[in-house]
Protein backbone atom coordinates (compact mmCIF):
# COMPACT_ATOMS: atom_id res chain seq x y z
CA MET A 1 156.68 115.07 -5.06
CA ASN A 2 159.78 112.92 -3.94
CA ARG A 3 158.96 113.71 -0.24
CA VAL A 4 155.13 112.71 -0.95
CA LEU A 5 156.65 109.33 -2.25
CA LEU A 6 158.67 109.14 1.18
CA PHE A 7 155.20 108.74 2.74
CA VAL A 8 153.73 106.09 0.85
CA PRO A 9 155.27 102.93 2.89
CA LEU A 10 154.11 104.48 6.15
CA VAL A 11 150.63 105.23 5.25
CA ILE A 12 150.51 101.53 3.71
CA PHE A 13 152.01 100.20 6.84
CA LEU A 14 149.55 102.04 8.94
CA LEU A 15 146.52 100.87 6.89
CA MET A 16 147.59 97.20 6.98
CA GLY A 17 147.89 97.62 10.92
CA LEU A 18 144.62 99.16 11.09
CA VAL A 19 143.06 96.49 9.04
CA PHE A 20 144.59 93.60 11.09
CA TRP A 21 143.55 95.09 14.63
CA ILE A 22 140.05 95.13 13.45
CA GLY A 23 140.05 91.38 12.51
CA LEU A 24 141.74 90.58 15.66
CA GLY A 25 138.44 91.45 17.70
CA LYS A 26 136.35 89.02 15.19
CA GLU A 27 137.86 85.59 15.84
CA ASP A 28 136.58 83.43 17.93
CA LYS A 29 138.97 81.98 20.15
CA THR A 30 137.18 79.38 21.90
CA SER A 31 136.17 77.08 19.29
CA LEU A 32 137.93 75.42 16.62
CA PRO A 33 136.11 73.50 14.12
CA SER A 34 136.55 69.88 14.46
CA PRO A 35 136.28 67.22 11.35
CA LEU A 36 134.74 64.96 13.57
CA ILE A 37 131.56 67.08 14.12
CA GLY A 38 128.57 64.66 12.57
CA LYS A 39 131.21 61.34 12.74
CA ALA A 40 131.12 58.23 14.74
CA PHE A 41 133.06 58.60 18.06
CA PRO A 42 136.40 57.01 17.52
CA GLU A 43 136.63 53.24 18.54
CA PHE A 44 138.22 52.69 21.66
CA GLN A 45 138.74 49.94 24.25
CA LEU A 46 140.29 51.30 27.59
CA GLY A 47 140.31 50.69 31.16
CA VAL A 48 138.08 52.67 33.80
CA VAL A 49 139.74 54.58 36.36
CA GLU A 50 137.26 53.61 38.99
CA ASP A 51 136.97 49.95 38.94
CA GLY A 52 139.90 48.72 35.92
CA ARG A 53 136.77 47.31 34.15
CA THR A 54 137.27 47.31 30.16
CA LEU A 55 134.88 49.54 28.00
CA THR A 56 134.43 50.34 24.65
CA THR A 57 132.89 52.86 22.49
CA GLU A 58 129.49 50.89 22.71
CA ASP A 59 129.24 51.75 26.13
CA LEU A 60 128.69 55.64 24.76
CA LYS A 61 125.36 54.45 23.03
CA GLY A 62 121.68 54.86 24.29
CA ALA A 63 121.46 58.27 25.58
CA PRO A 64 123.07 61.80 24.74
CA VAL A 65 126.04 62.00 27.04
CA LEU A 66 129.07 64.86 27.35
CA VAL A 67 132.25 63.66 26.86
CA ASN A 68 134.80 65.57 29.28
CA VAL A 69 138.64 65.31 28.68
CA TRP A 70 140.26 66.15 31.99
CA ALA A 71 143.35 65.60 33.78
CA THR A 72 144.67 66.24 37.26
CA TRP A 73 147.61 68.14 36.14
CA CYS A 74 145.13 70.68 34.71
CA PRO A 75 144.30 73.59 36.72
CA THR A 76 141.17 74.69 34.07
CA CYS A 77 139.97 71.33 34.79
CA LYS A 78 139.85 72.29 38.75
CA ALA A 79 138.09 75.22 37.89
CA GLU A 80 135.38 73.59 35.80
CA HIS A 81 134.92 70.27 38.25
CA ALA A 82 132.51 72.24 40.28
CA PHE A 83 130.56 72.58 37.48
CA LEU A 84 130.53 69.67 36.09
CA ASN A 85 129.29 68.02 39.75
CA GLU A 86 126.21 70.36 39.10
CA LEU A 87 125.52 69.20 35.80
CA ALA A 88 125.75 65.74 36.71
CA ALA A 89 123.31 66.08 39.89
CA SER A 90 120.89 67.92 37.73
CA GLY A 91 120.72 64.51 35.82
CA ILE A 92 123.28 65.40 32.78
CA ARG A 93 125.02 62.21 31.60
CA ILE A 94 128.90 63.20 31.85
CA ILE A 95 131.63 60.30 30.80
CA GLY A 96 135.19 61.48 31.51
CA ILE A 97 138.33 60.82 29.72
CA ASN A 98 141.49 61.01 32.30
CA TYR A 99 144.03 62.32 29.52
CA LYS A 100 147.65 61.65 29.66
CA ASP A 101 147.46 61.26 33.85
CA ASP A 102 148.11 58.48 36.43
CA VAL A 103 145.27 56.48 37.62
CA ALA A 104 145.98 56.70 41.48
CA LYS A 105 146.15 60.36 40.72
CA ALA A 106 142.71 60.59 39.15
CA GLN A 107 141.33 58.40 41.82
CA ASP A 108 142.65 60.50 44.53
CA TRP A 109 141.28 63.51 42.68
CA LEU A 110 137.82 62.36 42.13
CA ALA A 111 137.59 61.07 46.07
CA ALA A 112 138.46 64.75 47.07
CA PHE A 113 136.78 66.90 44.90
CA GLY A 114 133.17 64.42 43.59
CA ASN A 115 132.92 62.44 40.63
CA PRO A 116 130.48 63.86 38.22
CA TYR A 117 131.16 61.11 35.95
CA VAL A 118 129.54 57.77 34.81
CA TYR A 119 132.58 56.43 34.47
CA ASN A 120 136.23 57.67 33.66
CA LEU A 121 138.27 56.03 30.77
CA SER A 122 141.95 55.86 31.22
CA ASP A 123 143.82 57.28 28.69
CA PRO A 124 147.41 57.38 30.06
CA ASP A 125 149.35 57.65 26.67
CA GLY A 126 146.62 60.27 25.28
CA LYS A 127 145.64 57.72 22.59
CA LEU A 128 142.13 58.36 22.11
CA GLY A 129 142.40 61.96 22.70
CA LEU A 130 144.94 62.32 19.61
CA GLU A 131 141.94 60.68 17.73
CA LEU A 132 139.69 62.69 18.95
CA GLY A 133 141.89 65.83 18.07
CA VAL A 134 142.48 66.92 21.68
CA TYR A 135 144.86 70.03 21.72
CA GLY A 136 144.57 69.86 25.79
CA ALA A 137 142.69 69.29 28.58
CA PRO A 138 139.55 70.28 29.29
CA GLU A 139 137.82 69.65 26.27
CA THR A 140 134.31 68.35 26.07
CA PHE A 141 131.87 66.75 23.21
CA LEU A 142 128.25 66.41 22.82
CA VAL A 143 127.44 63.04 21.64
CA ASP A 144 124.29 61.72 20.76
CA SER A 145 122.72 58.67 21.47
CA GLN A 146 123.83 56.51 18.56
CA GLY A 147 127.57 57.84 19.21
CA ILE A 148 127.73 60.67 16.74
CA ILE A 149 129.79 63.54 17.64
CA ARG A 150 127.51 66.80 17.41
CA ASP A 151 129.46 69.34 18.88
CA LYS A 152 133.11 70.19 20.72
CA HIS A 153 134.04 73.02 23.35
CA ILE A 154 137.68 73.79 24.02
CA GLY A 155 138.09 75.09 27.37
CA ASP A 156 136.28 75.08 30.86
CA LEU A 157 132.78 74.10 30.93
CA ASN A 158 131.12 76.64 32.89
CA PRO A 159 127.62 78.48 32.86
CA GLN A 160 127.90 80.65 29.93
CA VAL A 161 129.12 77.85 28.26
CA TRP A 162 126.55 75.38 28.92
CA ALA A 163 123.86 78.13 28.43
CA ARG A 164 124.95 78.12 24.59
CA LEU A 165 125.62 74.09 24.28
CA LYS A 166 122.53 73.08 26.60
CA PRO A 167 119.92 73.59 23.72
CA ARG A 168 122.13 71.56 21.40
CA PHE A 169 122.59 68.77 24.03
CA GLU A 170 118.53 68.77 24.65
CA GLY A 171 117.96 68.91 21.29
CA MET A 172 119.86 65.34 20.52
CA LYS A 173 117.37 63.51 23.12
């Protein structure tokens, strides 16, 4: 009887390990729910990378838009950039937020790799990124014509991700 009791902790440990192992495959590692979904895009007043003019939240309104948080120091941003150029060429309105970056580096980047953005907001201290709950670049928000955030994607925007987001984006028109 005493020998059987010695194996009880081992059996419990193995069962717990099995439950954790099964659970690991079921979580969606590409999405973190955002408390901003369904809420207005945060108020901002920031300079534009391309020409230095100042824009506000009102400049987002009028048509659905993808708001893409990016930076020159971000390798994943470089990986997604060609696809963003394709989306822009197909008529998708994209606004960039150059996150915790240098304006001159951003200008050089856009000259070298193309500029898919209607305009880029310069967020050198990350204040707007903080208000958006940005964990790091790249992140993309779907914003409707009234300036309401409808969806968020963390990571690079690519054809597979766009296949999932496109119906939602087109439904905002």
